[in-house]
Amino acid sequence: MTEKDIQVALPYVKDLPQATEPFMAKVAVTDKNFGRVPKVYIRTSLDKMVSPKLQEEMLGNWEVEQIHTLPAGHFPTLSLPAELAELLL
């Protein structure tokens, strides 16, 4: 993420509280619902919030149809929107 990206995003996030409960809550997923949705994972190789190691661990818990890597931080929607859209469409 560049300094310009940060300046664009900052007004939208700087005073927002961080929701932490979703990270601790147990969630029940079923094959009937979550399991039937095709999944694509976008690795973000420059992510400083979710390390590459943690991304790999997360991938080990899900069935993913496609895995792509972008040279981006945690918000590729800001830093590489065209590249992200191309992968998802």
PDB file of N, CA and C in Angstrom:
ATOM      1  N   MET A   1       0.855  -1.161   0.000  1.00  0.00           N
ATOM      2  CA  MET A   1       0.000   0.000   0.000  1.00  0.00           C
ATOM      3  C   MET A   1       0.904   1.228   0.000  1.00  0.00           C
ATOM      4  N   THR A   2       0.599   2.140  -0.873  1.00  0.00           N
ATOM      5  CA  THR A   2       1.412   3.346  -0.970  1.00  0.00           C
ATOM      6  C   THR A   2       0.913   4.407   0.004  1.00  0.00           C
ATOM      7  N   GLU A   3       1.703   5.451   0.160  1.00  0.00           N
ATOM      8  CA  GLU A   3       1.300   6.571   1.012  1.00  0.00           C
ATOM      9  C   GLU A   3       0.008   7.197   0.482  1.00  0.00           C
ATOM     10  N   LYS A   4      -0.120   7.271  -0.842  1.00  0.00           N
ATOM     11  CA  LYS A   4      -1.341   7.819  -1.442  1.00  0.00           C
ATOM     12  C   LYS A   4      -2.555   6.963  -1.069  1.00  0.00           C
ATOM     13  N   ASP A   5      -2.407   5.634  -1.133  1.00  0.00           N
ATOM     14  CA  ASP A   5      -3.496   4.727  -0.752  1.00  0.00           C
ATOM     15  C   ASP A   5      -3.927   4.971   0.691  1.00  0.00           C
ATOM     16  N   ILE A   6      -2.942   5.147   1.550  1.00  0.00           N
ATOM     17  CA  ILE A   6      -3.232   5.380   2.967  1.00  0.00           C
ATOM     18  C   ILE A   6      -4.009   6.677   3.144  1.00  0.00           C
ATOM     19  N   GLN A   7      -3.601   7.724   2.447  1.00  0.00           N
ATOM     20  CA  GLN A   7      -4.279   9.012   2.571  1.00  0.00           C
ATOM     21  C   GLN A   7      -5.714   8.949   2.051  1.00  0.00           C
ATOM     22  N   VAL A   8      -5.948   8.153   1.018  1.00  0.00           N
ATOM     23  CA  VAL A   8      -7.306   7.983   0.488  1.00  0.00           C
ATOM     24  C   VAL A   8      -8.171   7.224   1.491  1.00  0.00           C
ATOM     25  N   ALA A   9      -7.627   6.184   2.106  1.00  0.00           N
ATOM     26  CA  ALA A   9      -8.401   5.322   3.004  1.00  0.00           C
ATOM     27  C   ALA A   9      -8.588   5.911   4.394  1.00  0.00           C
ATOM     28  N   LEU A  10      -7.640   6.690   4.855  1.00  0.00           N
ATOM     29  CA  LEU A  10      -7.635   7.159   6.239  1.00  0.00           C
ATOM     30  C   LEU A  10      -8.927   7.833   6.691  1.00  0.00           C
ATOM     31  N   PRO A  11      -9.514   8.731   5.919  1.00  0.00           N
ATOM     32  CA  PRO A  11     -10.758   9.360   6.396  1.00  0.00           C
ATOM     33  C   PRO A  11     -11.892   8.368   6.648  1.00  0.00           C
ATOM     34  N   TYR A  12     -11.850   7.234   5.987  1.00  0.00           N
ATOM     35  CA  TYR A  12     -12.920   6.250   6.133  1.00  0.00           C
ATOM     36  C   TYR A  12     -12.733   5.337   7.339  1.00  0.00           C
ATOM     37  N   VAL A  13     -11.522   5.200   7.830  1.00  0.00           N
ATOM     38  CA  VAL A  13     -11.267   4.210   8.876  1.00  0.00           C
ATOM     39  C   VAL A  13     -10.652   4.752  10.155  1.00  0.00           C
ATOM     40  N   LYS A  14     -10.163   5.970  10.166  1.00  0.00           N
ATOM     41  CA  LYS A  14      -9.349   6.412  11.300  1.00  0.00           C
ATOM     42  C   LYS A  14     -10.079   6.464  12.636  1.00  0.00           C
ATOM     43  N   ASP A  15     -11.360   6.748  12.642  1.00  0.00           N
ATOM     44  CA  ASP A  15     -12.072   6.843  13.916  1.00  0.00           C
ATOM     45  C   ASP A  15     -13.029   5.682  14.162  1.00  0.00           C
ATOM     46  N   LEU A  16     -12.912   4.638  13.371  1.00  0.00           N
ATOM     47  CA  LEU A  16     -13.792   3.493  13.553  1.00  0.00           C
ATOM     48  C   LEU A  16     -13.236   2.560  14.621  1.00  0.00           C
ATOM     49  N   PRO A  17     -14.087   2.094  15.530  1.00  0.00           N
ATOM     50  CA  PRO A  17     -13.612   1.099  16.494  1.00  0.00           C
ATOM     51  C   PRO A  17     -13.388  -0.233  15.782  1.00  0.00           C
ATOM     52  N   GLN A  18     -12.473  -0.999  16.277  1.00  0.00           N
ATOM     53  CA  GLN A  18     -12.201  -2.318  15.698  1.00  0.00           C
ATOM     54  C   GLN A  18     -13.084  -3.346  16.380  1.00  0.00           C
ATOM     55  N   ALA A  19     -13.883  -4.014  15.592  1.00  0.00           N
ATOM     56  CA  ALA A  19     -14.727  -5.083  16.130  1.00  0.00           C
ATOM     57  C   ALA A  19     -13.856  -6.306  16.369  1.00  0.00           C
ATOM     58  N   THR A  20     -13.770  -6.751  17.607  1.00  0.00           N
ATOM     59  CA  THR A  20     -12.939  -7.914  17.915  1.00  0.00           C
ATOM     60  C   THR A  20     -13.761  -9.170  18.184  1.00  0.00           C
ATOM     61  N   GLU A  21     -15.024  -9.008  18.538  1.00  0.00           N
ATOM     62  CA  GLU A  21     -15.852 -10.175  18.853  1.00  0.00           C
ATOM     63  C   GLU A  21     -15.949 -11.169  17.693  1.00  0.00           C
ATOM     64  N   PRO A  22     -16.063 -10.707  16.435  1.00  0.00           N
ATOM     65  CA  PRO A  22     -16.140 -11.688  15.345  1.00  0.00           C
ATOM     66  C   PRO A  22     -14.934 -12.622  15.266  1.00  0.00           C
ATOM     67  N   PHE A  23     -13.799 -12.186  15.758  1.00  0.00           N
ATOM     68  CA  PHE A  23     -12.611 -13.035  15.725  1.00  0.00           C
ATOM     69  C   PHE A  23     -12.657 -14.123  16.792  1.00  0.00           C
ATOM     70  N   MET A  24     -13.458 -13.922  17.816  1.00  0.00           N
ATOM     71  CA  MET A  24     -13.533 -14.867  18.924  1.00  0.00           C
ATOM     72  C   MET A  24     -14.777 -15.756  18.866  1.00  0.00           C
ATOM     73  N   ALA A  25     -15.805 -15.314  18.161  1.00  0.00           N
ATOM     74  CA  ALA A  25     -17.071 -16.042  18.138  1.00  0.00           C
ATOM     75  C   ALA A  25     -16.940 -17.345  17.349  1.00  0.00           C
ATOM     76  N   LYS A  26     -17.560 -18.387  17.867  1.00  0.00           N
ATOM     77  CA  LYS A  26     -17.606 -19.660  17.142  1.00  0.00           C
ATOM     78  C   LYS A  26     -18.700 -19.555  16.089  1.00  0.00           C
ATOM     79  N   VAL A  27     -18.376 -20.023  14.916  1.00  0.00           N
ATOM     80  CA  VAL A  27     -19.316 -19.971  13.805  1.00  0.00           C
ATOM     81  C   VAL A  27     -19.518 -21.385  13.285  1.00  0.00           C
ATOM     82  N   ALA A  28     -20.761 -21.770  13.120  1.00  0.00           N
ATOM     83  CA  ALA A  28     -21.065 -23.088  12.564  1.00  0.00           C
ATOM     84  C   ALA A  28     -21.321 -22.938  11.068  1.00  0.00           C
ATOM     85  N   VAL A  29     -20.545 -23.639  10.276  1.00  0.00           N
ATOM     86  CA  VAL A  29     -20.761 -23.629   8.832  1.00  0.00           C
ATOM     87  C   VAL A  29     -21.135 -25.039   8.398  1.00  0.00           C
ATOM     88  N   THR A  30     -21.963 -25.115   7.383  1.00  0.00           N
ATOM     89  CA  THR A  30     -22.409 -26.419   6.904  1.00  0.00           C
ATOM     90  C   THR A  30     -22.083 -26.571   5.427  1.00  0.00           C
ATOM     91  N   ASP A  31     -21.981 -27.807   4.999  1.00  0.00           N
ATOM     92  CA  ASP A  31     -21.784 -28.063   3.577  1.00  0.00           C
ATOM     93  C   ASP A  31     -22.988 -27.586   2.775  1.00  0.00           C
ATOM     94  N   LYS A  32     -24.158 -27.652   3.379  1.00  0.00           N
ATOM     95  CA  LYS A  32     -25.378 -27.242   2.684  1.00  0.00           C
ATOM     96  C   LYS A  32     -25.334 -25.762   2.305  1.00  0.00           C
ATOM     97  N   ASN A  33     -24.774 -24.932   3.140  1.00  0.00           N
ATOM     98  CA  ASN A  33     -24.742 -23.495   2.870  1.00  0.00           C
ATOM     99  C   ASN A  33     -23.345 -23.043   2.451  1.00  0.00           C
ATOM    100  N   PHE A  34     -22.456 -22.887   3.393  1.00  0.00           N
ATOM    101  CA  PHE A  34     -21.106 -22.394   3.110  1.00  0.00           C
ATOM    102  C   PHE A  34     -20.364 -23.319   2.152  1.00  0.00           C
ATOM    103  N   GLY A  35     -20.585 -24.604   2.287  1.00  0.00           N
ATOM    104  CA  GLY A  35     -19.863 -25.568   1.470  1.00  0.00           C
ATOM    105  C   GLY A  35     -20.207 -25.542   0.000  1.00  0.00           C
ATOM    106  N   ARG A  36     -21.367 -25.026  -0.344  1.00  0.00           N
ATOM    107  CA  ARG A  36     -21.765 -25.033  -1.754  1.00  0.00           C
ATOM    108  C   ARG A  36     -21.337 -23.777  -2.509  1.00  0.00           C
ATOM    109  N   VAL A  37     -20.765 -22.823  -1.812  1.00  0.00           N
ATOM    110  CA  VAL A  37     -20.326 -21.585  -2.450  1.00  0.00           C
ATOM    111  C   VAL A  37     -18.898 -21.762  -2.958  1.00  0.00           C
ATOM    112  N   PRO A  38     -18.655 -21.563  -4.270  1.00  0.00           N
ATOM    113  CA  PRO A  38     -17.287 -21.661  -4.782  1.00  0.00           C
ATOM    114  C   PRO A  38     -16.411 -20.587  -4.124  1.00  0.00           C
ATOM    115  N   LYS A  39     -15.194 -20.964  -3.776  1.00  0.00           N
ATOM    116  CA  LYS A  39     -14.315 -20.038  -3.064  1.00  0.00           C
ATOM    117  C   LYS A  39     -13.035 -19.768  -3.839  1.00  0.00           C
ATOM    118  N   VAL A  40     -12.633 -18.505  -3.806  1.00  0.00           N
ATOM    119  CA  VAL A  40     -11.372 -18.053  -4.393  1.00  0.00           C
ATOM    120  C   VAL A  40     -10.619 -17.353  -3.274  1.00  0.00           C
ATOM    121  N   TYR A  41      -9.334 -17.637  -3.132  1.00  0.00           N
ATOM    122  CA  TYR A  41      -8.527 -16.977  -2.108  1.00  0.00           C
ATOM    123  C   TYR A  41      -7.485 -16.112  -2.799  1.00  0.00           C
ATOM    124  N   ILE A  42      -7.380 -14.877  -2.355  1.00  0.00           N
ATOM    125  CA  ILE A  42      -6.366 -13.963  -2.866  1.00  0.00           C
ATOM    126  C   ILE A  42      -5.319 -13.796  -1.778  1.00  0.00           C
ATOM    127  N   ARG A  43      -4.138 -14.379  -2.001  1.00  0.00           N
ATOM    128  CA  ARG A  43      -3.019 -14.163  -1.072  1.00  0.00           C
ATOM    129  C   ARG A  43      -2.526 -12.732  -1.275  1.00  0.00           C
ATOM    130  N   THR A  44      -2.208 -12.079  -0.187  1.00  0.00           N
ATOM    131  CA  THR A  44      -1.628 -10.740  -0.267  1.00  0.00           C
ATOM    132  C   THR A  44      -0.216 -10.832   0.300  1.00  0.00           C
ATOM    133  N   SER A  45       0.753 -10.856  -0.598  1.00  0.00           N
ATOM    134  CA  SER A  45       2.130 -11.169  -0.206  1.00  0.00           C
ATOM    135  C   SER A  45       2.800 -10.078   0.625  1.00  0.00           C
ATOM    136  N   LEU A  46       2.254  -8.863   0.621  1.00  0.00           N
ATOM    137  CA  LEU A  46       2.843  -7.773   1.408  1.00  0.00           C
ATOM    138  C   LEU A  46       2.000  -7.436   2.638  1.00  0.00           C
ATOM    139  N   ASP A  47       1.081  -8.310   2.975  1.00  0.00           N
ATOM    140  CA  ASP A  47       0.159  -8.081   4.085  1.00  0.00           C
ATOM    141  C   ASP A  47       0.907  -8.068   5.410  1.00  0.00           C
ATOM    142  N   LYS A  48       0.712  -7.014   6.183  1.00  0.00           N
ATOM    143  CA  LYS A  48       1.340  -6.921   7.498  1.00  0.00           C
ATOM    144  C   LYS A  48       0.322  -7.197   8.615  1.00  0.00           C
ATOM    145  N   MET A  49      -0.939  -7.411   8.243  1.00  0.00           N
ATOM    146  CA  MET A  49      -1.969  -7.730   9.235  1.00  0.00           C
ATOM    147  C   MET A  49      -2.194  -9.236   9.338  1.00  0.00           C
ATOM    148  N   VAL A  50      -2.187  -9.915   8.198  1.00  0.00           N
ATOM    149  CA  VAL A  50      -2.350 -11.371   8.158  1.00  0.00           C
ATOM    150  C   VAL A  50      -1.110 -11.913   7.458  1.00  0.00           C
ATOM    151  N   SER A  51      -0.220 -12.485   8.233  1.00  0.00           N
ATOM    152  CA  SER A  51       1.070 -12.932   7.704  1.00  0.00           C
ATOM    153  C   SER A  51       0.899 -14.015   6.645  1.00  0.00           C
ATOM    154  N   PRO A  52       1.882 -14.163   5.762  1.00  0.00           N
ATOM    155  CA  PRO A  52       1.828 -15.257   4.785  1.00  0.00           C
ATOM    156  C   PRO A  52       1.646 -16.621   5.460  1.00  0.00           C
ATOM    157  N   LYS A  53       2.295 -16.818   6.603  1.00  0.00           N
ATOM    158  CA  LYS A  53       2.156 -18.090   7.324  1.00  0.00           C
ATOM    159  C   LYS A  53       0.712 -18.309   7.768  1.00  0.00           C
ATOM    160  N   LEU A  54       0.095 -17.282   8.326  1.00  0.00           N
ATOM    161  CA  LEU A  54      -1.297 -17.401   8.761  1.00  0.00           C
ATOM    162  C   LEU A  54      -2.225 -17.596   7.564  1.00  0.00           C
ATOM    163  N   GLN A  55      -1.934 -16.933   6.454  1.00  0.00           N
ATOM    164  CA  GLN A  55      -2.746 -17.130   5.249  1.00  0.00           C
ATOM    165  C   GLN A  55      -2.697 -18.593   4.813  1.00  0.00           C
ATOM    166  N   GLU A  56      -1.515 -19.196   4.870  1.00  0.00           N
ATOM    167  CA  GLU A  56      -1.381 -20.612   4.503  1.00  0.00           C
ATOM    168  C   GLU A  56      -2.153 -21.506   5.468  1.00  0.00           C
ATOM    169  N   GLU A  57      -2.106 -21.183   6.757  1.00  0.00           N
ATOM    170  CA  GLU A  57      -2.865 -21.960   7.742  1.00  0.00           C
ATOM    171  C   GLU A  57      -4.361 -21.854   7.477  1.00  0.00           C
ATOM    172  N   MET A  58      -4.826 -20.658   7.160  1.00  0.00           N
ATOM    173  CA  MET A  58      -6.241 -20.465   6.861  1.00  0.00           C
ATOM    174  C   MET A  58      -6.643 -21.275   5.636  1.00  0.00           C
ATOM    175  N   LEU A  59      -5.786 -21.294   4.631  1.00  0.00           N
ATOM    176  CA  LEU A  59      -6.082 -22.063   3.419  1.00  0.00           C
ATOM    177  C   LEU A  59      -6.192 -23.553   3.708  1.00  0.00           C
ATOM    178  N   GLY A  60      -5.471 -24.021   4.707  1.00  0.00           N
ATOM    179  CA  GLY A  60      -5.535 -25.429   5.068  1.00  0.00           C
ATOM    180  C   GLY A  60      -6.870 -25.838   5.665  1.00  0.00           C
ATOM    181  N   ASN A  61      -7.662 -24.854   6.077  1.00  0.00           N
ATOM    182  CA  ASN A  61      -8.956 -25.133   6.697  1.00  0.00           C
ATOM    183  C   ASN A  61     -10.135 -25.058   5.732  1.00  0.00           C
ATOM    184  N   TRP A  62      -9.890 -24.630   4.507  1.00  0.00           N
ATOM    185  CA  TRP A  62     -10.981 -24.425   3.556  1.00  0.00           C
ATOM    186  C   TRP A  62     -10.720 -25.164   2.261  1.00  0.00           C
ATOM    187  N   GLU A  63     -11.796 -25.541   1.597  1.00  0.00           N
ATOM    188  CA  GLU A  63     -11.685 -26.037   0.230  1.00  0.00           C
ATOM    189  C   GLU A  63     -11.812 -24.826  -0.681  1.00  0.00           C
ATOM    190  N   VAL A  64     -10.754 -24.558  -1.421  1.00  0.00           N
ATOM    191  CA  VAL A  64     -10.703 -23.380  -2.280  1.00  0.00           C
ATOM    192  C   VAL A  64     -10.497 -23.841  -3.712  1.00  0.00           C
ATOM    193  N   GLU A  65     -11.295 -23.295  -4.626  1.00  0.00           N
ATOM    194  CA  GLU A  65     -11.182 -23.690  -6.028  1.00  0.00           C
ATOM    195  C   GLU A  65      -9.998 -23.030  -6.725  1.00  0.00           C
ATOM    196  N   GLN A  66      -9.720 -21.792  -6.359  1.00  0.00           N
ATOM    197  CA  GLN A  66      -8.617 -21.061  -6.977  1.00  0.00           C
ATOM    198  C   GLN A  66      -7.861 -20.286  -5.906  1.00  0.00           C
ATOM    199  N   ILE A  67      -6.551 -20.198  -6.076  1.00  0.00           N
ATOM    200  CA  ILE A  67      -5.707 -19.388  -5.200  1.00  0.00           C
ATOM    201  C   ILE A  67      -4.870 -18.491  -6.098  1.00  0.00           C
ATOM    202  N   HIS A  68      -4.886 -17.209  -5.803  1.00  0.00           N
ATOM    203  CA  HIS A  68      -4.093 -16.235  -6.547  1.00  0.00           C
ATOM    204  C   HIS A  68      -3.261 -15.442  -5.547  1.00  0.00           C
ATOM    205  N   THR A  69      -2.188 -14.850  -6.022  1.00  0.00           N
ATOM    206  CA  THR A  69      -1.345 -14.012  -5.166  1.00  0.00           C
ATOM    207  C   THR A  69      -1.205 -12.641  -5.797  1.00  0.00           C
ATOM    208  N   LEU A  70      -1.401 -11.613  -4.986  1.00  0.00           N
ATOM    209  CA  LEU A  70      -1.175 -10.243  -5.426  1.00  0.00           C
ATOM    210  C   LEU A  70      -0.080  -9.626  -4.570  1.00  0.00           C
ATOM    211  N   PRO A  71       0.806  -8.827  -5.186  1.00  0.00           N
ATOM    212  CA  PRO A  71       1.834  -8.128  -4.417  1.00  0.00           C
ATOM    213  C   PRO A  71       1.214  -6.901  -3.747  1.00  0.00           C
ATOM    214  N   ALA A  72       0.392  -7.172  -2.748  1.00  0.00           N
ATOM    215  CA  ALA A  72      -0.379  -6.113  -2.105  1.00  0.00           C
ATOM    216  C   ALA A  72      -0.388  -6.324  -0.606  1.00  0.00           C
ATOM    217  N   GLY A  73      -0.757  -5.259   0.094  1.00  0.00           N
ATOM    218  CA  GLY A  73      -0.968  -5.344   1.520  1.00  0.00           C
ATOM    219  C   GLY A  73      -2.367  -5.874   1.802  1.00  0.00           C
ATOM    220  N   HIS A  74      -2.889  -5.542   2.965  1.00  0.00           N
ATOM    221  CA  HIS A  74      -4.149  -6.104   3.440  1.00  0.00           C
ATOM    222  C   HIS A  74      -5.370  -5.651   2.635  1.00  0.00           C
ATOM    223  N   PHE A  75      -5.252  -4.538   1.914  1.00  0.00           N
ATOM    224  CA  PHE A  75      -6.393  -3.987   1.184  1.00  0.00           C
ATOM    225  C   PHE A  75      -6.120  -3.882  -0.311  1.00  0.00           C
ATOM    226  N   PRO A  76      -6.091  -5.002  -1.031  1.00  0.00           N
ATOM    227  CA  PRO A  76      -5.849  -4.912  -2.469  1.00  0.00           C
ATOM    228  C   PRO A  76      -6.952  -4.156  -3.199  1.00  0.00           C
ATOM    229  N   THR A  77      -8.109  -4.007  -2.559  1.00  0.00           N
ATOM    230  CA  THR A  77      -9.173  -3.214  -3.179  1.00  0.00           C
ATOM    231  C   THR A  77      -8.759  -1.755  -3.315  1.00  0.00           C
ATOM    232  N   LEU A  78      -7.841  -1.306  -2.473  1.00  0.00           N
ATOM    233  CA  LEU A  78      -7.335   0.062  -2.571  1.00  0.00           C
ATOM    234  C   LEU A  78      -6.070   0.151  -3.406  1.00  0.00           C
ATOM    235  N   SER A  79      -5.144  -0.768  -3.194  1.00  0.00           N
ATOM    236  CA  SER A  79      -3.840  -0.646  -3.846  1.00  0.00           C
ATOM    237  C   SER A  79      -3.787  -1.241  -5.248  1.00  0.00           C
ATOM    238  N   LEU A  80      -4.559  -2.291  -5.510  1.00  0.00           N
ATOM    239  CA  LEU A  80      -4.544  -2.944  -6.829  1.00  0.00           C
ATOM    240  C   LEU A  80      -5.968  -3.305  -7.265  1.00  0.00           C
ATOM    241  N   PRO A  81      -6.867  -2.328  -7.331  1.00  0.00           N
ATOM    242  CA  PRO A  81      -8.269  -2.665  -7.615  1.00  0.00           C
ATOM    243  C   PRO A  81      -8.486  -3.319  -8.977  1.00  0.00           C
ATOM    244  N   ALA A  82      -7.805  -2.857  -9.998  1.00  0.00           N
ATOM    245  CA  ALA A  82      -7.997  -3.436 -11.336  1.00  0.00           C
ATOM    246  C   ALA A  82      -7.499  -4.878 -11.382  1.00  0.00           C
ATOM    247  N   GLU A  83      -6.340  -5.118 -10.782  1.00  0.00           N
ATOM    248  CA  GLU A  83      -5.769  -6.463 -10.766  1.00  0.00           C
ATOM    249  C   GLU A  83      -6.654  -7.428  -9.974  1.00  0.00           C
ATOM    250  N   LEU A  84      -7.175  -6.952  -8.848  1.00  0.00           N
ATOM    251  CA  LEU A  84      -8.064  -7.783  -8.036  1.00  0.00           C
ATOM    252  C   LEU A  84      -9.341  -8.109  -8.806  1.00  0.00           C
ATOM    253  N   ALA A  85      -9.929  -7.104  -9.418  1.00  0.00           N
ATOM    254  CA  ALA A  85     -11.159  -7.327 -10.189  1.00  0.00           C
ATOM    255  C   ALA A  85     -10.927  -8.322 -11.317  1.00  0.00           C
ATOM    256  N   GLU A  86      -9.792  -8.222 -11.983  1.00  0.00           N
ATOM    257  CA  GLU A  86      -9.489  -9.145 -13.080  1.00  0.00           C
ATOM    258  C   GLU A  86      -9.431 -10.594 -12.588  1.00  0.00           C
ATOM    259  N   LEU A  87      -8.882 -10.795 -11.401  1.00  0.00           N
ATOM    260  CA  LEU A  87      -8.812 -12.151 -10.851  1.00  0.00           C
ATOM    261  C   LEU A  87     -10.190 -12.695 -10.475  1.00  0.00           C
ATOM    262  N   LEU A  88     -11.063 -11.824 -10.026  1.00  0.00           N
ATOM    263  CA  LEU A  88     -12.357 -12.267  -9.518  1.00  0.00           C
ATOM    264  C   LEU A  88     -13.439 -12.388 -10.585  1.00  0.00           C
ATOM    265  N   LEU A  89     -13.241 -11.729 -11.699  1.00  0.00           N
ATOM    266  CA  LEU A  89     -14.284 -11.769 -12.751  1.00  0.00           C
ATOM    267  C   LEU A  89     -14.012 -12.822 -13.789  1.00  0.00           C
TER     268      LEU A  89
END
